[in-house]
PDB file of N, CA and C in Angstrom:
ATOM      1  N   MET A   1     145.141 121.584 122.325  1.00  0.00           N
ATOM      2  CA  MET A   1     145.643 122.194 123.538  1.00  0.00           C
ATOM      3  C   MET A   1     145.807 121.119 124.616  1.00  0.00           C
ATOM      4  N   PRO A   2     146.979 121.036 125.246  1.00  0.00           N
ATOM      5  CA  PRO A   2     147.219 120.014 126.269  1.00  0.00           C
ATOM      6  C   PRO A   2     146.279 120.165 127.467  1.00  0.00           C
ATOM      7  N   GLU A   3     145.988 119.029 128.083  1.00  0.00           N
ATOM      8  CA  GLU A   3     145.201 119.002 129.310  1.00  0.00           C
ATOM      9  C   GLU A   3     146.017 118.293 130.372  1.00  0.00           C
ATOM     10  N   GLN A   4     145.609 118.459 131.619  1.00  0.00           N
ATOM     11  CA  GLN A   4     146.288 117.800 132.723  1.00  0.00           C
ATOM     12  C   GLN A   4     145.257 117.120 133.606  1.00  0.00           C
ATOM     13  N   VAL A   5     145.626 115.948 134.123  1.00  0.00           N
ATOM     14  CA  VAL A   5     144.750 115.197 135.010  1.00  0.00           C
ATOM     15  C   VAL A   5     145.572 114.720 136.200  1.00  0.00           C
ATOM     16  N   LEU A   6     144.924 114.653 137.357  1.00  0.00           N
ATOM     17  CA  LEU A   6     145.530 114.123 138.563  1.00  0.00           C
ATOM     18  C   LEU A   6     144.754 112.871 138.935  1.00  0.00           C
ATOM     19  N   LEU A   7     145.423 111.715 138.889  1.00  0.00           N
ATOM     20  CA  LEU A   7     144.780 110.445 139.195  1.00  0.00           C
ATOM     21  C   LEU A   7     145.210 109.960 140.571  1.00  0.00           C
ATOM     22  N   LYS A   8     144.260 109.509 141.371  1.00  0.00           N
ATOM     23  CA  LYS A   8     144.563 108.862 142.644  1.00  0.00           C
ATOM     24  C   LYS A   8     144.940 107.422 142.324  1.00  0.00           C
ATOM     25  N   VAL A   9     146.074 106.978 142.856  1.00  0.00           N
ATOM     26  CA  VAL A   9     146.612 105.655 142.531  1.00  0.00           C
ATOM     27  C   VAL A   9     146.696 104.811 143.803  1.00  0.00           C
ATOM     28  N   GLY A  10     146.175 103.596 143.724  1.00  0.00           N
ATOM     29  CA  GLY A  10     146.254 102.662 144.833  1.00  0.00           C
ATOM     30  C   GLY A  10     147.377 101.667 144.621  1.00  0.00           C
ATOM     31  N   GLY A  11     148.059 101.317 145.702  1.00  0.00           N
ATOM     32  CA  GLY A  11     149.102 100.302 145.629  1.00  0.00           C
ATOM     33  C   GLY A  11     150.490 100.841 145.345  1.00  0.00           C
ATOM     34  N   MET A  12     150.622 102.144 145.234  1.00  0.00           N
ATOM     35  CA  MET A  12     151.927 102.759 144.975  1.00  0.00           C
ATOM     36  C   MET A  12     152.563 103.061 146.338  1.00  0.00           C
ATOM     37  N   HIS A  13     153.640 102.321 146.684  1.00  0.00           N
ATOM     38  CA  HIS A  13     154.193 102.411 148.028  1.00  0.00           C
ATOM     39  C   HIS A  13     155.576 103.038 148.124  1.00  0.00           C
ATOM     40  N   CYS A  14     156.253 103.176 146.981  1.00  0.00           N
ATOM     41  CA  CYS A  14     157.633 103.650 147.053  1.00  0.00           C
ATOM     42  C   CYS A  14     158.005 104.405 145.773  1.00  0.00           C
ATOM     43  N   LYS A  15     159.217 104.944 145.775  1.00  0.00           N
ATOM     44  CA  LYS A  15     159.718 105.694 144.607  1.00  0.00           C
ATOM     45  C   LYS A  15     159.815 104.805 143.364  1.00  0.00           C
ATOM     46  N   SER A  16     160.144 103.532 143.548  1.00  0.00           N
ATOM     47  CA  SER A  16     160.214 102.617 142.402  1.00  0.00           C
ATOM     48  C   SER A  16     158.841 102.424 141.779  1.00  0.00           C
ATOM     49  N   CYS A  17     157.818 102.335 142.614  1.00  0.00           N
ATOM     50  CA  CYS A  17     156.443 102.223 142.117  1.00  0.00           C
ATOM     51  C   CYS A  17     156.091 103.460 141.286  1.00  0.00           C
ATOM     52  N   ALA A  18     156.419 104.615 141.834  1.00  0.00           N
ATOM     53  CA  ALA A  18     156.121 105.873 141.138  1.00  0.00           C
ATOM     54  C   ALA A  18     156.851 105.913 139.798  1.00  0.00           C
ATOM     55  N   ARG A  19     158.090 105.474 139.790  1.00  0.00           N
ATOM     56  CA  ARG A  19     158.885 105.487 138.554  1.00  0.00           C
ATOM     57  C   ARG A  19     158.289 104.563 137.493  1.00  0.00           C
ATOM     58  N   LEU A  20     157.793 103.396 137.908  1.00  0.00           N
ATOM     59  CA  LEU A  20     157.153 102.474 136.961  1.00  0.00           C
ATOM     60  C   LEU A  20     155.943 103.123 136.292  1.00  0.00           C
ATOM     61  N   ILE A  21     155.153 103.827 137.080  1.00  0.00           N
ATOM     62  CA  ILE A  21     153.974 104.505 136.523  1.00  0.00           C
ATOM     63  C   ILE A  21     154.416 105.594 135.550  1.00  0.00           C
ATOM     64  N   GLU A  22     155.407 106.373 135.937  1.00  0.00           N
ATOM     65  CA  GLU A  22     155.899 107.433 135.053  1.00  0.00           C
ATOM     66  C   GLU A  22     156.391 106.855 133.723  1.00  0.00           C
ATOM     67  N   LEU A  23     157.153 105.788 133.781  1.00  0.00           N
ATOM     68  CA  LEU A  23     157.675 105.178 132.551  1.00  0.00           C
ATOM     69  C   LEU A  23     156.554 104.630 131.674  1.00  0.00           C
ATOM     70  N   GLU A  24     155.571 103.980 132.288  1.00  0.00           N
ATOM     71  CA  GLU A  24     154.429 103.451 131.534  1.00  0.00           C
ATOM     72  C   GLU A  24     153.671 104.578 130.839  1.00  0.00           C
ATOM     73  N   MET A  25     153.464 105.666 131.547  1.00  0.00           N
ATOM     74  CA  MET A  25     152.700 106.780 130.973  1.00  0.00           C
ATOM     75  C   MET A  25     153.478 107.468 129.854  1.00  0.00           C
ATOM     76  N   LYS A  26     154.773 107.656 130.056  1.00  0.00           N
ATOM     77  CA  LYS A  26     155.580 108.356 129.056  1.00  0.00           C
ATOM     78  C   LYS A  26     155.716 107.562 127.764  1.00  0.00           C
ATOM     79  N   ASP A  27     155.457 106.255 127.814  1.00  0.00           N
ATOM     80  CA  ASP A  27     155.477 105.418 126.616  1.00  0.00           C
ATOM     81  C   ASP A  27     154.233 105.597 125.753  1.00  0.00           C
ATOM     82  N   LYS A  28     153.188 106.173 126.315  1.00  0.00           N
ATOM     83  CA  LYS A  28     151.911 106.325 125.603  1.00  0.00           C
ATOM     84  C   LYS A  28     151.978 107.508 124.634  1.00  0.00           C
ATOM     85  N   ASP A  29     151.545 107.261 123.405  1.00  0.00           N
ATOM     86  CA  ASP A  29     151.463 108.335 122.421  1.00  0.00           C
ATOM     87  C   ASP A  29     150.416 109.341 122.892  1.00  0.00           C
ATOM     88  N   GLY A  30     150.788 110.586 122.969  1.00  0.00           N
ATOM     89  CA  GLY A  30     149.876 111.635 123.406  1.00  0.00           C
ATOM     90  C   GLY A  30     150.152 112.117 124.816  1.00  0.00           C
ATOM     91  N   VAL A  31     150.978 111.384 125.574  1.00  0.00           N
ATOM     92  CA  VAL A  31     151.359 111.838 126.914  1.00  0.00           C
ATOM     93  C   VAL A  31     152.570 112.745 126.775  1.00  0.00           C
ATOM     94  N   LEU A  32     152.433 113.958 127.268  1.00  0.00           N
ATOM     95  CA  LEU A  32     153.488 114.952 127.148  1.00  0.00           C
ATOM     96  C   LEU A  32     154.411 114.947 128.362  1.00  0.00           C
ATOM     97  N   ALA A  33     153.853 114.684 129.548  1.00  0.00           N
ATOM     98  CA  ALA A  33     154.633 114.641 130.780  1.00  0.00           C
ATOM     99  C   ALA A  33     153.863 113.823 131.805  1.00  0.00           C
ATOM    100  N   ALA A  34     154.604 113.177 132.688  1.00  0.00           N
ATOM    101  CA  ALA A  34     153.968 112.393 133.746  1.00  0.00           C
ATOM    102  C   ALA A  34     154.879 112.381 134.962  1.00  0.00           C
ATOM    103  N   SER A  35     154.260 112.560 136.116  1.00  0.00           N
ATOM    104  CA  SER A  35     155.000 112.422 137.368  1.00  0.00           C
ATOM    105  C   SER A  35     154.079 111.769 138.381  1.00  0.00           C
ATOM    106  N   ALA A  36     154.666 110.913 139.205  1.00  0.00           N
ATOM    107  CA  ALA A  36     153.902 110.215 140.225  1.00  0.00           C
ATOM    108  C   ALA A  36     154.532 110.493 141.578  1.00  0.00           C
ATOM    109  N   ASP A  37     153.689 110.642 142.586  1.00  0.00           N
ATOM    110  CA  ASP A  37     154.132 110.928 143.947  1.00  0.00           C
ATOM    111  C   ASP A  37     153.641 109.806 144.852  1.00  0.00           C
ATOM    112  N   ASP A  38     154.556 108.951 145.283  1.00  0.00           N
ATOM    113  CA  ASP A  38     154.167 107.812 146.113  1.00  0.00           C
ATOM    114  C   ASP A  38     153.601 108.250 147.463  1.00  0.00           C
ATOM    115  N   ALA A  39     154.124 109.320 148.046  1.00  0.00           N
ATOM    116  CA  ALA A  39     153.649 109.790 149.346  1.00  0.00           C
ATOM    117  C   ALA A  39     152.200 110.270 149.273  1.00  0.00           C
ATOM    118  N   ALA A  40     151.856 110.939 148.179  1.00  0.00           N
ATOM    119  CA  ALA A  40     150.490 111.453 148.007  1.00  0.00           C
ATOM    120  C   ALA A  40     149.574 110.419 147.359  1.00  0.00           C
ATOM    121  N   GLY A  41     150.159 109.403 146.727  1.00  0.00           N
ATOM    122  CA  GLY A  41     149.353 108.404 146.029  1.00  0.00           C
ATOM    123  C   GLY A  41     148.671 108.975 144.803  1.00  0.00           C
ATOM    124  N   GLU A  42     149.393 109.844 144.094  1.00  0.00           N
ATOM    125  CA  GLU A  42     148.819 110.519 142.928  1.00  0.00           C
ATOM    126  C   GLU A  42     149.773 110.492 141.737  1.00  0.00           C
ATOM    127  N   ALA A  43     149.179 110.521 140.559  1.00  0.00           N
ATOM    128  CA  ALA A  43     149.942 110.661 139.322  1.00  0.00           C
ATOM    129  C   ALA A  43     149.381 111.856 138.562  1.00  0.00           C
ATOM    130  N   SER A  44     150.266 112.751 138.178  1.00  0.00           N
ATOM    131  CA  SER A  44     149.890 113.931 137.408  1.00  0.00           C
ATOM    132  C   SER A  44     150.341 113.705 135.963  1.00  0.00           C
ATOM    133  N   ILE A  45     149.402 113.841 135.037  1.00  0.00           N
ATOM    134  CA  ILE A  45     149.701 113.542 133.636  1.00  0.00           C
ATOM    135  C   ILE A  45     149.228 114.696 132.757  1.00  0.00           C
ATOM    136  N   GLU A  46     150.137 115.191 131.940  1.00  0.00           N
ATOM    137  CA  GLU A  46     149.805 116.189 130.933  1.00  0.00           C
ATOM    138  C   GLU A  46     149.719 115.449 129.601  1.00  0.00           C
ATOM    139  N   TYR A  47     148.631 115.668 128.874  1.00  0.00           N
ATOM    140  CA  TYR A  47     148.402 114.881 127.661  1.00  0.00           C
ATOM    141  C   TYR A  47     147.678 115.684 126.592  1.00  0.00           C
ATOM    142  N   ASP A  48     147.737 115.151 125.376  1.00  0.00           N
ATOM    143  CA  ASP A  48     147.050 115.734 124.230  1.00  0.00           C
ATOM    144  C   ASP A  48     145.754 114.950 124.029  1.00  0.00           C
ATOM    145  N   PRO A  49     144.595 115.547 124.337  1.00  0.00           N
ATOM    146  CA  PRO A  49     143.331 114.823 124.236  1.00  0.00           C
ATOM    147  C   PRO A  49     142.954 114.434 122.807  1.00  0.00           C
ATOM    148  N   ALA A  50     143.636 115.001 121.812  1.00  0.00           N
ATOM    149  CA  ALA A  50     143.392 114.599 120.431  1.00  0.00           C
ATOM    150  C   ALA A  50     144.049 113.253 120.125  1.00  0.00           C
ATOM    151  N   LYS A  51     145.018 112.847 120.981  1.00  0.00           N
ATOM    152  CA  LYS A  51     145.749 111.601 120.742  1.00  0.00           C
ATOM    153  C   LYS A  51     145.427 110.498 121.744  1.00  0.00           C
ATOM    154  N   ILE A  52     145.040 110.872 122.959  1.00  0.00           N
ATOM    155  CA  ILE A  52     144.785 109.872 124.000  1.00  0.00           C
ATOM    156  C   ILE A  52     143.678 110.385 124.911  1.00  0.00           C
ATOM    157  N   ASP A  53     142.829 109.463 125.368  1.00  0.00           N
ATOM    158  CA  ASP A  53     141.730 109.889 126.239  1.00  0.00           C
ATOM    159  C   ASP A  53     141.985 109.475 127.687  1.00  0.00           C
ATOM    160  N   LEU A  54     141.138 109.951 128.566  1.00  0.00           N
ATOM    161  CA  LEU A  54     141.301 109.721 129.994  1.00  0.00           C
ATOM    162  C   LEU A  54     141.250 108.237 130.344  1.00  0.00           C
ATOM    163  N   GLU A  55     140.392 107.485 129.699  1.00  0.00           N
ATOM    164  CA  GLU A  55     140.307 106.049 129.996  1.00  0.00           C
ATOM    165  C   GLU A  55     141.598 105.332 129.622  1.00  0.00           C
ATOM    166  N   ALA A  56     142.244 105.730 128.537  1.00  0.00           N
ATOM    167  CA  ALA A  56     143.522 105.124 128.153  1.00  0.00           C
ATOM    168  C   ALA A  56     144.608 105.457 129.179  1.00  0.00           C
ATOM    169  N   LEU A  57     144.535 106.638 129.772  1.00  0.00           N
ATOM    170  CA  LEU A  57     145.482 106.996 130.826  1.00  0.00           C
ATOM    171  C   LEU A  57     145.248 106.133 132.057  1.00  0.00           C
ATOM    172  N   ARG A  58     144.004 105.960 132.431  1.00  0.00           N
ATOM    173  CA  ARG A  58     143.678 105.090 133.568  1.00  0.00           C
ATOM    174  C   ARG A  58     144.160 103.663 133.303  1.00  0.00           C
ATOM    175  N   GLN A  59     143.955 103.187 132.076  1.00  0.00           N
ATOM    176  CA  GLN A  59     144.383 101.839 131.724  1.00  0.00           C
ATOM    177  C   GLN A  59     145.906 101.716 131.794  1.00  0.00           C
ATOM    178  N   GLY A  60     146.614 102.770 131.444  1.00  0.00           N
ATOM    179  CA  GLY A  60     148.071 102.765 131.542  1.00  0.00           C
ATOM    180  C   GLY A  60     148.543 102.555 132.972  1.00  0.00           C
ATOM    181  N   VAL A  61     147.868 103.190 133.925  1.00  0.00           N
ATOM    182  CA  VAL A  61     148.205 102.984 135.339  1.00  0.00           C
ATOM    183  C   VAL A  61     147.935 101.533 135.724  1.00  0.00           C
ATOM    184  N   ARG A  62     146.804 101.004 135.280  1.00  0.00           N
ATOM    185  CA  ARG A  62     146.475  99.604 135.568  1.00  0.00           C
ATOM    186  C   ARG A  62     147.484  98.654 134.897  1.00  0.00           C
ATOM    187  N   ASP A  63     147.913  98.985 133.682  1.00  0.00           N
ATOM    188  CA  ASP A  63     148.916  98.169 132.976  1.00  0.00           C
ATOM    189  C   ASP A  63     150.246  98.130 133.741  1.00  0.00           C
ATOM    190  N   ALA A  64     150.539  99.204 134.472  1.00  0.00           N
ATOM    191  CA  ALA A  64     151.758  99.242 135.277  1.00  0.00           C
ATOM    192  C   ALA A  64     151.616  98.417 136.563  1.00  0.00           C
ATOM    193  N   GLY A  65     150.388  97.955 136.844  1.00  0.00           N
ATOM    194  CA  GLY A  65     150.163  97.096 137.999  1.00  0.00           C
ATOM    195  C   GLY A  65     149.528  97.765 139.200  1.00  0.00           C
ATOM    196  N   TYR A  66     148.931  98.939 138.992  1.00  0.00           N
ATOM    197  CA  TYR A  66     148.345  99.698 140.098  1.00  0.00           C
ATOM    198  C   TYR A  66     146.871  99.969 139.838  1.00  0.00           C
ATOM    199  N   ASP A  67     146.181 100.376 140.890  1.00  0.00           N
ATOM    200  CA  ASP A  67     144.760 100.677 140.793  1.00  0.00           C
ATOM    201  C   ASP A  67     144.549 102.175 140.647  1.00  0.00           C
ATOM    202  N   VAL A  68     143.518 102.542 139.897  1.00  0.00           N
ATOM    203  CA  VAL A  68     143.085 103.931 139.833  1.00  0.00           C
ATOM    204  C   VAL A  68     141.876 104.041 140.732  1.00  0.00           C
ATOM    205  N   LEU A  69     141.964 104.909 141.724  1.00  0.00           N
ATOM    206  CA  LEU A  69     140.895 105.046 142.715  1.00  0.00           C
ATOM    207  C   LEU A  69     139.898 106.111 142.325  1.00  0.00           C
TER     208      LEU A  69
END
């Protein structure tokens, strides 16, 4: 059963930043949907916990060049 997480993201200042995070997350096996909001500084990710865990999602944000707060 899919789960959803809302991550607070540091360093995301514009729509391009948000798009980079979305693209990084959507490349991960087990991520079903991802959207990032630069104004709120948040990324919402729907994922399959049987395929990917929360720490891997956090690492994906860091891999895109941003901090998870």
